[in-house]
Amino acid sequence: MSIFDDEPNVAVFTTNYVMVGNSPIVYVVHDDDGDWQFLGPEENVQDQDVMIVSLQQVIQRDPSVLDLADLPRGTAATRVDRAAPWEPDSAPAPMRDGNS
């Protein structure tokens, strides 16, 4: 288990499905700018569903994201469910929304 280079209070993107609901984090993007996205399986995420929270809040919600602390910028990882191992994703994309 690694430790993120980012401070625990760095802002990251997620959704209310993950933070308020019980949706598992199944898709993580570390984009070219260094921003992190922690997303559930929902396909039609709208602007009103997006949340900005601290990295620490995401880690508290799902400690398995610590396995991705060394995920290089411009890459992503995915898994099929909460119990599955993280796998590299060859085509990282920006936060999914219903308009794309």
Protein backbone atom coordinates (compact mmCIF):
# COMPACT_ATOMS: atom_id res chain seq x y z
CA MET A 1 0.00 0.00 0.00
CA SER A 2 1.39 3.37 -1.07
CA ILE A 3 0.90 6.90 0.14
CA PHE A 4 -0.24 9.61 -2.26
CA ASP A 5 2.26 12.38 -3.06
CA ASP A 6 -0.65 14.81 -2.82
CA GLU A 7 -1.64 16.35 0.51
CA PRO A 8 -4.64 14.72 2.20
CA ASN A 9 -6.66 17.92 1.81
CA VAL A 10 -6.10 18.24 -1.97
CA ALA A 11 -9.38 18.65 -3.87
CA VAL A 12 -10.44 15.69 -6.00
CA PHE A 13 -13.47 14.97 -8.18
CA THR A 14 -16.06 12.34 -7.41
CA THR A 15 -19.83 12.00 -7.46
CA ASN A 16 -22.65 12.08 -4.97
CA TYR A 17 -23.29 8.45 -5.96
CA VAL A 18 -19.93 7.53 -4.40
CA MET A 19 -19.88 9.90 -1.43
CA VAL A 20 -23.57 10.05 -0.46
CA GLY A 21 -24.89 6.86 -1.98
CA ASN A 22 -23.26 3.49 -1.70
CA SER A 23 -21.78 3.31 -5.19
CA PRO A 24 -18.37 1.62 -5.32
CA ILE A 25 -15.38 3.43 -6.80
CA VAL A 26 -14.65 1.45 -9.96
CA TYR A 27 -12.88 3.99 -12.17
CA VAL A 28 -9.99 6.26 -11.16
CA VAL A 29 -8.33 8.83 -13.40
CA HIS A 30 -5.10 10.68 -12.64
CA ASP A 31 -5.25 13.21 -15.44
CA ASP A 32 -2.42 15.01 -17.21
CA ASP A 33 -2.85 18.06 -14.95
CA GLY A 34 -2.46 15.94 -11.82
CA ASP A 35 -6.15 16.04 -10.86
CA TRP A 36 -7.80 12.89 -9.54
CA GLN A 37 -11.26 11.54 -10.36
CA PHE A 38 -12.84 8.75 -8.31
CA LEU A 39 -15.96 7.48 -10.07
CA GLY A 40 -18.60 4.81 -9.69
CA PRO A 41 -20.18 2.68 -12.41
CA GLU A 42 -22.82 5.27 -13.33
CA GLU A 43 -22.83 6.11 -17.04
CA ASN A 44 -24.82 9.35 -17.15
CA VAL A 45 -23.16 11.56 -14.56
CA GLN A 46 -24.50 15.10 -14.82
CA ASP A 47 -22.94 18.33 -13.55
CA GLN A 48 -25.22 18.32 -10.49
CA ASP A 49 -23.88 14.85 -9.55
CA VAL A 50 -20.24 15.99 -9.36
CA MET A 51 -18.67 16.63 -5.97
CA ILE A 52 -15.33 18.13 -5.04
CA VAL A 53 -14.02 16.59 -1.83
CA SER A 54 -10.66 16.05 -0.20
CA LEU A 55 -8.48 13.10 -1.10
CA GLN A 56 -8.67 12.05 2.55
CA GLN A 57 -12.47 11.80 2.33
CA VAL A 58 -12.15 9.44 -0.63
CA ILE A 59 -9.53 7.33 1.17
CA GLN A 60 -11.80 7.10 4.21
CA ARG A 61 -14.69 6.03 1.97
CA ASP A 62 -12.60 3.38 0.16
CA PRO A 63 -9.09 2.66 1.50
CA SER A 64 -8.36 0.43 -1.53
CA VAL A 65 -7.66 3.58 -3.58
CA LEU A 66 -4.34 3.72 -1.71
CA ASP A 67 -3.28 0.94 -4.09
CA LEU A 68 -3.40 3.57 -6.85
CA ALA A 69 -1.27 6.21 -5.12
CA ASP A 70 1.51 5.76 -7.68
CA LEU A 71 -0.81 5.84 -10.72
CA PRO A 72 1.04 8.01 -13.26
CA ARG A 73 -0.48 11.20 -14.62
CA GLY A 74 -2.47 10.67 -17.79
CA THR A 75 -3.56 7.16 -16.83
CA ALA A 76 -6.52 5.45 -15.27
CA ALA A 77 -7.44 2.25 -13.47
CA THR A 78 -10.66 0.30 -13.33
CA ARG A 79 -12.22 -2.70 -11.61
CA VAL A 80 -15.53 -4.49 -11.96
CA ASP A 81 -16.62 -4.11 -8.34
CA ARG A 82 -15.43 -3.20 -4.85
CA ALA A 83 -13.85 -6.62 -4.24
CA ALA A 84 -12.03 -6.87 -7.58
CA PRO A 85 -8.38 -5.90 -8.09
CA TRP A 86 -7.49 -2.62 -9.82
CA GLU A 87 -6.44 -2.99 -13.47
CA PRO A 88 -4.79 -0.39 -15.74
CA ASP A 89 -7.16 1.26 -18.19
CA SER A 90 -5.58 2.00 -21.54
CA ALA A 91 -7.97 4.82 -22.47
CA PRO A 92 -8.45 7.29 -19.65
CA ALA A 93 -11.24 9.76 -20.24
CA PRO A 94 -12.40 12.89 -18.47
CA MET A 95 -15.29 12.64 -16.05
CA ARG A 96 -18.09 10.85 -17.81
CA ASP A 97 -21.30 12.79 -18.30
CA GLY A 98 -24.55 12.43 -20.12
CA ASN A 99 -23.53 15.01 -22.72
CA SER A 100 -20.63 13.07 -24.27
